[in-house]
Amino acid sequence: MNWLYENKEILTIEDFPTNTFGFIYITTHTPTGKKYLGKKSLHHNVKKKLGKKELAEQPITRGRIATTKQIIKESDWKIYYGSEEFIKQQIKLGKKEEFTREIIQLVNNKKLLTYFECKSLFNSGVLESDIWLNSNILGKFFRKDFVIKD
């Protein structure tokens, strides 16, 4: 199942507006109706070691020379379903077809991505309802701290 945004299928990174840094999403396990709300970045930074030629081309300066460089790579957003253990286990068992993935908001920078994820998590009450698979928010607020009443 591919990502859906406003009822349109997202297949490549070019399907996003040019200023998109990442998105807020909901993954739903259709047999149980359980949901997971999270965030995903479209790119990530990777440190790459410089080769002999690149090291030799560096200007001579005082101090240490750089032995690595930062490169930006596309993330695994196309195959990502969520970080919740239940979701990861089902995917390993080959049950991708049991999930739907919906993008609910596009975000244009890293800080706002975290903000809008938190806002959505709190507004949806993910720790207070059994319908959600989320077990914590920011590693500070935990499901176990709530008495769930349904």
C-alpha atoms as a PDB file:
ATOM      1  CA  MET A   1       0.000   0.000   0.000  1.00  0.00           C
ATOM      2  CA  ASN A   2       1.393   3.391  -1.007  1.00  0.00           C
ATOM      3  CA  TRP A   3       0.988   6.640   0.876  1.00  0.00           C
ATOM      4  CA  LEU A   4      -2.233   8.602   0.388  1.00  0.00           C
ATOM      5  CA  TYR A   5      -2.434  12.376   0.721  1.00  0.00           C
ATOM      6  CA  GLU A   6      -5.771  14.100   0.118  1.00  0.00           C
ATOM      7  CA  ASN A   7      -7.010  10.903  -1.601  1.00  0.00           C
ATOM      8  CA  LYS A   8      -4.078  10.921  -4.042  1.00  0.00           C
ATOM      9  CA  GLU A   9      -1.415   8.245  -4.127  1.00  0.00           C
ATOM     10  CA  ILE A  10       2.141   9.446  -3.439  1.00  0.00           C
ATOM     11  CA  LEU A  11       4.660   7.342  -5.382  1.00  0.00           C
ATOM     12  CA  THR A  12       7.831   9.444  -5.639  1.00  0.00           C
ATOM     13  CA  ILE A  13       9.459  12.317  -3.823  1.00  0.00           C
ATOM     14  CA  GLU A  14       8.550  14.527  -6.790  1.00  0.00           C
ATOM     15  CA  ASP A  15       4.857  14.104  -5.842  1.00  0.00           C
ATOM     16  CA  PHE A  16       5.469  16.375  -2.808  1.00  0.00           C
ATOM     17  CA  PRO A  17       5.574  20.186  -3.024  1.00  0.00           C
ATOM     18  CA  THR A  18       9.204  21.386  -3.356  1.00  0.00           C
ATOM     19  CA  ASN A  19       9.469  22.844   0.174  1.00  0.00           C
ATOM     20  CA  THR A  20       8.308  19.659   1.962  1.00  0.00           C
ATOM     21  CA  PHE A  21      10.697  18.496   4.699  1.00  0.00           C
ATOM     22  CA  GLY A  22       8.482  15.706   6.050  1.00  0.00           C
ATOM     23  CA  PHE A  23       4.967  14.735   6.995  1.00  0.00           C
ATOM     24  CA  ILE A  24       2.627  13.671   9.792  1.00  0.00           C
ATOM     25  CA  TYR A  25       0.910  10.357   9.091  1.00  0.00           C
ATOM     26  CA  ILE A  26      -1.514   7.751  10.382  1.00  0.00           C
ATOM     27  CA  THR A  27      -0.921   4.053   9.751  1.00  0.00           C
ATOM     28  CA  THR A  28      -4.035   1.923  10.274  1.00  0.00           C
ATOM     29  CA  HIS A  29      -4.117  -1.839  10.801  1.00  0.00           C
ATOM     30  CA  THR A  30      -7.364  -2.588   8.968  1.00  0.00           C
ATOM     31  CA  PRO A  31      -8.209  -5.971  10.613  1.00  0.00           C
ATOM     32  CA  THR A  32      -8.190  -4.425  14.118  1.00  0.00           C
ATOM     33  CA  GLY A  33      -8.784  -0.736  13.359  1.00  0.00           C
ATOM     34  CA  LYS A  34      -5.768   0.163  15.509  1.00  0.00           C
ATOM     35  CA  LYS A  35      -3.876   3.274  14.434  1.00  0.00           C
ATOM     36  CA  TYR A  36      -0.423   4.744  14.818  1.00  0.00           C
ATOM     37  CA  LEU A  37       0.309   8.468  14.467  1.00  0.00           C
ATOM     38  CA  GLY A  38       3.845   9.613  13.675  1.00  0.00           C
ATOM     39  CA  LYS A  39       6.164  11.800  11.650  1.00  0.00           C
ATOM     40  CA  LYS A  40       8.569  11.029   8.821  1.00  0.00           C
ATOM     41  CA  SER A  41      11.327  13.103   7.204  1.00  0.00           C
ATOM     42  CA  LEU A  42      11.885  12.808   3.466  1.00  0.00           C
ATOM     43  CA  HIS A  43      15.667  13.202   3.774  1.00  0.00           C
ATOM     44  CA  HIS A  44      18.381  12.538   6.314  1.00  0.00           C
ATOM     45  CA  ASN A  45      22.031  13.503   6.719  1.00  0.00           C
ATOM     46  CA  VAL A  46      24.715  10.851   6.402  1.00  0.00           C
ATOM     47  CA  LYS A  47      28.405  11.174   7.255  1.00  0.00           C
ATOM     48  CA  LYS A  48      30.588   9.839   4.450  1.00  0.00           C
ATOM     49  CA  LYS A  49      34.329   9.250   4.797  1.00  0.00           C
ATOM     50  CA  LEU A  50      36.453  11.166   2.350  1.00  0.00           C
ATOM     51  CA  GLY A  51      38.533   9.137  -0.075  1.00  0.00           C
ATOM     52  CA  LYS A  52      42.293   9.566  -0.595  1.00  0.00           C
ATOM     53  CA  LYS A  53      41.770  11.906  -3.543  1.00  0.00           C
ATOM     54  CA  GLU A  54      39.305  14.115  -1.634  1.00  0.00           C
ATOM     55  CA  LEU A  55      41.621  14.240   1.388  1.00  0.00           C
ATOM     56  CA  ALA A  56      44.557  15.262  -0.819  1.00  0.00           C
ATOM     57  CA  GLU A  57      42.496  18.051  -2.448  1.00  0.00           C
ATOM     58  CA  GLN A  58      41.785  19.782   0.857  1.00  0.00           C
ATOM     59  CA  PRO A  59      43.531  23.131   1.344  1.00  0.00           C
ATOM     60  CA  ILE A  60      46.399  23.185   3.811  1.00  0.00           C
ATOM     61  CA  THR A  61      45.285  24.951   6.975  1.00  0.00           C
ATOM     62  CA  ARG A  62      46.190  24.956  10.615  1.00  0.00           C
ATOM     63  CA  GLY A  63      44.363  22.482  12.756  1.00  0.00           C
ATOM     64  CA  ARG A  64      42.696  19.249  11.856  1.00  0.00           C
ATOM     65  CA  ILE A  65      41.513  18.385   8.393  1.00  0.00           C
ATOM     66  CA  ALA A  66      38.034  17.079   7.798  1.00  0.00           C
ATOM     67  CA  THR A  67      37.924  13.317   7.179  1.00  0.00           C
ATOM     68  CA  THR A  68      34.171  13.155   6.546  1.00  0.00           C
ATOM     69  CA  LYS A  69      31.520  15.152   4.737  1.00  0.00           C
ATOM     70  CA  GLN A  70      27.776  15.464   5.247  1.00  0.00           C
ATOM     71  CA  ILE A  71      25.583  14.265   2.405  1.00  0.00           C
ATOM     72  CA  ILE A  72      21.802  14.386   2.204  1.00  0.00           C
ATOM     73  CA  LYS A  73      20.050  11.190   1.184  1.00  0.00           C
ATOM     74  CA  GLU A  74      16.412  10.343   0.615  1.00  0.00           C
ATOM     75  CA  SER A  75      14.988   8.510   3.629  1.00  0.00           C
ATOM     76  CA  ASP A  76      13.131   5.198   3.594  1.00  0.00           C
ATOM     77  CA  TRP A  77       9.758   6.993   3.569  1.00  0.00           C
ATOM     78  CA  LYS A  78       8.422   4.856   0.674  1.00  0.00           C
ATOM     79  CA  ILE A  79       8.651   1.594   2.645  1.00  0.00           C
ATOM     80  CA  TYR A  80       8.109   3.038   6.137  1.00  0.00           C
ATOM     81  CA  TYR A  81       5.030   2.061   8.153  1.00  0.00           C
ATOM     82  CA  GLY A  82       5.914   3.223  11.673  1.00  0.00           C
ATOM     83  CA  SER A  83       8.235   2.561  14.586  1.00  0.00           C
ATOM     84  CA  GLU A  84       5.726   0.721  16.795  1.00  0.00           C
ATOM     85  CA  GLU A  85       6.820  -2.870  17.502  1.00  0.00           C
ATOM     86  CA  PHE A  86       3.450  -4.397  16.512  1.00  0.00           C
ATOM     87  CA  ILE A  87       3.646  -2.724  13.094  1.00  0.00           C
ATOM     88  CA  LYS A  88       7.251  -3.815  12.530  1.00  0.00           C
ATOM     89  CA  GLN A  89       6.386  -7.424  13.436  1.00  0.00           C
ATOM     90  CA  GLN A  90       3.435  -7.522  11.036  1.00  0.00           C
ATOM     91  CA  ILE A  91       5.570  -6.113   8.215  1.00  0.00           C
ATOM     92  CA  LYS A  92       8.253  -8.757   8.891  1.00  0.00           C
ATOM     93  CA  LEU A  93       5.530 -11.403   8.626  1.00  0.00           C
ATOM     94  CA  GLY A  94       4.691 -10.064   5.154  1.00  0.00           C
ATOM     95  CA  LYS A  95       1.376  -8.475   6.117  1.00  0.00           C
ATOM     96  CA  LYS A  96       1.848  -5.058   4.489  1.00  0.00           C
ATOM     97  CA  GLU A  97      -1.539  -5.374   2.797  1.00  0.00           C
ATOM     98  CA  GLU A  98      -3.209  -5.215   6.242  1.00  0.00           C
ATOM     99  CA  PHE A  99      -2.152  -1.553   6.606  1.00  0.00           C
ATOM    100  CA  THR A 100      -3.200   1.747   5.103  1.00  0.00           C
ATOM    101  CA  ARG A 101      -0.915   4.785   5.260  1.00  0.00           C
ATOM    102  CA  GLU A 102      -2.331   8.287   5.141  1.00  0.00           C
ATOM    103  CA  ILE A 103      -0.416  11.556   5.203  1.00  0.00           C
ATOM    104  CA  ILE A 104      -2.426  14.060   7.223  1.00  0.00           C
ATOM    105  CA  GLN A 105      -0.090  17.073   7.052  1.00  0.00           C
ATOM    106  CA  LEU A 106       2.963  18.203   5.073  1.00  0.00           C
ATOM    107  CA  VAL A 107       5.604  20.192   6.966  1.00  0.00           C
ATOM    108  CA  ASN A 108       8.465  22.341   5.658  1.00  0.00           C
ATOM    109  CA  ASN A 109      11.114  22.132   8.418  1.00  0.00           C
ATOM    110  CA  LYS A 110      12.455  19.849  11.132  1.00  0.00           C
ATOM    111  CA  LYS A 111      11.356  21.861  14.161  1.00  0.00           C
ATOM    112  CA  LEU A 112       7.770  22.230  12.938  1.00  0.00           C
ATOM    113  CA  LEU A 113       7.667  18.533  12.063  1.00  0.00           C
ATOM    114  CA  THR A 114       8.195  17.674  15.735  1.00  0.00           C
ATOM    115  CA  TYR A 115       5.761  20.405  16.836  1.00  0.00           C
ATOM    116  CA  PHE A 116       2.931  19.236  14.573  1.00  0.00           C
ATOM    117  CA  GLU A 117       3.529  15.590  15.492  1.00  0.00           C
ATOM    118  CA  CYS A 118       3.219  16.438  19.194  1.00  0.00           C
ATOM    119  CA  LYS A 119       0.176  18.621  18.589  1.00  0.00           C
ATOM    120  CA  SER A 120      -1.526  15.817  16.648  1.00  0.00           C
ATOM    121  CA  LEU A 121      -0.595  13.204  19.265  1.00  0.00           C
ATOM    122  CA  PHE A 122      -2.034  15.274  22.127  1.00  0.00           C
ATOM    123  CA  ASN A 123      -5.130  16.410  20.194  1.00  0.00           C
ATOM    124  CA  SER A 124      -5.898  12.813  19.190  1.00  0.00           C
ATOM    125  CA  GLY A 125      -5.467  11.559  22.766  1.00  0.00           C
ATOM    126  CA  VAL A 126      -3.241   8.698  21.621  1.00  0.00           C
ATOM    127  CA  LEU A 127      -2.235   7.734  25.163  1.00  0.00           C
ATOM    128  CA  GLU A 128      -5.777   7.774  26.477  1.00  0.00           C
ATOM    129  CA  SER A 129      -7.506   5.472  24.004  1.00  0.00           C
ATOM    130  CA  ASP A 130      -7.010   1.819  23.100  1.00  0.00           C
ATOM    131  CA  ILE A 131      -7.559   2.563  19.415  1.00  0.00           C
ATOM    132  CA  TRP A 132      -4.021   4.015  19.196  1.00  0.00           C
ATOM    133  CA  LEU A 133      -0.833   1.935  19.156  1.00  0.00           C
ATOM    134  CA  ASN A 134       1.380   4.837  20.304  1.00  0.00           C
ATOM    135  CA  SER A 135       2.924   4.052  23.683  1.00  0.00           C
ATOM    136  CA  ASN A 136       4.551   7.409  24.435  1.00  0.00           C
ATOM    137  CA  ILE A 137       4.981  11.012  23.350  1.00  0.00           C
ATOM    138  CA  LEU A 138       8.570  12.345  23.162  1.00  0.00           C
ATOM    139  CA  GLY A 139       9.697   9.628  25.563  1.00  0.00           C
ATOM    140  CA  LYS A 140       8.238  11.764  28.369  1.00  0.00           C
ATOM    141  CA  PHE A 141       4.540  10.937  28.462  1.00  0.00           C
ATOM    142  CA  PHE A 142       3.634   7.238  28.600  1.00  0.00           C
ATOM    143  CA  ARG A 143       0.465   5.226  28.102  1.00  0.00           C
ATOM    144  CA  LYS A 144       1.157   3.336  31.348  1.00  0.00           C
ATOM    145  CA  ASP A 145       0.674   6.585  33.271  1.00  0.00           C
ATOM    146  CA  PHE A 146      -2.977   6.780  32.216  1.00  0.00           C
ATOM    147  CA  VAL A 147      -5.907   4.744  33.448  1.00  0.00           C
ATOM    148  CA  ILE A 148      -7.659   3.993  30.160  1.00  0.00           C
ATOM    149  CA  LYS A 149     -11.452   4.077  30.340  1.00  0.00           C
ATOM    150  CA  ASP A 150     -13.404   2.896  27.302  1.00  0.00           C
END
